[in-house]
Each structure stands twice: as structure tokens, then as C-alpha cells.
């Protein structure tokens, strides 16, 4: 089970993957860098949610 912070990150990455928000805006939401969000998006697309 994920904590609230991890769930928010997953939700944001899913919205980026769906094209609902940009990676730039996503990096502002859970206070993570753009590079970190890009890494999470790449992992989400390759592996999914673990």
C-alpha cells in the first residue's frame, strides 16, 4: 500500500502519460524536478506501477 505522497506521484505521472498535463506542470505538483518526473514517466511506461 502506498502512502499519500507516493499516490500523488503515481496520479501525476499517470496524467502526464495520458496527456492531461505537461511534464513541466507535473514537476511543480509534488515538488519534484523535471528530470525526476521524466524518469518516473519512463519507468511507468516500461514497467507500470509496482
C-alpha atoms as a PDB file:
ATOM      1  CA  UNK A   1       0.000   0.000   0.000  1.00  0.00           C
ATOM      2  CA  UNK A   2       1.264   3.471  -0.881  1.00  0.00           C
ATOM      3  CA  UNK A   3       1.303   6.494   1.339  1.00  0.00           C
ATOM      4  CA  UNK A   4      -0.411   9.704   0.215  1.00  0.00           C
ATOM      5  CA  UNK A   5       2.761  11.234  -1.224  1.00  0.00           C
ATOM      6  CA  UNK A   6       3.535   8.163  -3.343  1.00  0.00           C
ATOM      7  CA  UNK A   7      -0.081   8.006  -4.524  1.00  0.00           C
ATOM      8  CA  UNK A   8       0.064  11.656  -5.602  1.00  0.00           C
ATOM      9  CA  UNK A   9       3.225  10.959  -7.597  1.00  0.00           C
ATOM     10  CA  UNK A  10       1.596   7.987  -9.332  1.00  0.00           C
ATOM     11  CA  UNK A  11      -1.517  10.025 -10.116  1.00  0.00           C
ATOM     12  CA  UNK A  12       0.535  12.866 -11.585  1.00  0.00           C
ATOM     13  CA  UNK A  13       2.650  10.524 -13.735  1.00  0.00           C
ATOM     14  CA  UNK A  14      -0.486   8.789 -14.998  1.00  0.00           C
ATOM     15  CA  UNK A  15      -1.930  12.159 -16.038  1.00  0.00           C
ATOM     16  CA  UNK A  16       1.277  13.028 -17.888  1.00  0.00           C
ATOM     17  CA  UNK A  17       1.186   9.656 -19.660  1.00  0.00           C
ATOM     18  CA  UNK A  18      -2.425  10.320 -20.701  1.00  0.00           C
ATOM     19  CA  UNK A  19      -1.515  13.778 -21.989  1.00  0.00           C
ATOM     20  CA  UNK A  20      -3.743  15.574 -19.483  1.00  0.00           C
ATOM     21  CA  UNK A  21      -0.899  17.680 -18.063  1.00  0.00           C
ATOM     22  CA  UNK A  22       2.588  18.576 -19.242  1.00  0.00           C
ATOM     23  CA  UNK A  23       5.787  17.267 -17.691  1.00  0.00           C
ATOM     24  CA  UNK A  24       6.676  20.847 -16.755  1.00  0.00           C
ATOM     25  CA  UNK A  25       3.468  21.313 -14.768  1.00  0.00           C
ATOM     26  CA  UNK A  26       3.842  17.841 -13.290  1.00  0.00           C
ATOM     27  CA  UNK A  27       7.232  18.713 -11.856  1.00  0.00           C
ATOM     28  CA  UNK A  28       5.630  21.538  -9.873  1.00  0.00           C
ATOM     29  CA  UNK A  29       2.876  19.479  -8.241  1.00  0.00           C
ATOM     30  CA  UNK A  30       4.666  17.025  -5.924  1.00  0.00           C
ATOM     31  CA  UNK A  31       7.748  19.291  -5.750  1.00  0.00           C
ATOM     32  CA  UNK A  32       9.977  17.037  -7.817  1.00  0.00           C
ATOM     33  CA  UNK A  33      12.402  18.093 -10.517  1.00  0.00           C
ATOM     34  CA  UNK A  34      11.558  17.767 -14.182  1.00  0.00           C
ATOM     35  CA  UNK A  35      14.302  15.187 -14.591  1.00  0.00           C
ATOM     36  CA  UNK A  36      12.852  13.083 -11.765  1.00  0.00           C
ATOM     37  CA  UNK A  37       9.376  13.287 -13.306  1.00  0.00           C
ATOM     38  CA  UNK A  38      10.811  12.242 -16.689  1.00  0.00           C
ATOM     39  CA  UNK A  39      12.481   9.257 -15.022  1.00  0.00           C
ATOM     40  CA  UNK A  40       9.231   8.279 -13.281  1.00  0.00           C
ATOM     41  CA  UNK A  41       7.327   8.603 -16.562  1.00  0.00           C
ATOM     42  CA  UNK A  42       9.851   6.398 -18.360  1.00  0.00           C
ATOM     43  CA  UNK A  43       9.607   3.761 -15.621  1.00  0.00           C
ATOM     44  CA  UNK A  44       5.796   3.985 -15.620  1.00  0.00           C
ATOM     45  CA  UNK A  45       5.696   3.407 -19.381  1.00  0.00           C
ATOM     46  CA  UNK A  46       8.146   0.487 -19.241  1.00  0.00           C
ATOM     47  CA  UNK A  47       7.114  -1.316 -16.071  1.00  0.00           C
ATOM     48  CA  UNK A  48       3.866   0.174 -14.814  1.00  0.00           C
ATOM     49  CA  UNK A  49       3.068   0.648 -11.149  1.00  0.00           C
ATOM     50  CA  UNK A  50       4.943  -1.624  -8.752  1.00  0.00           C
END
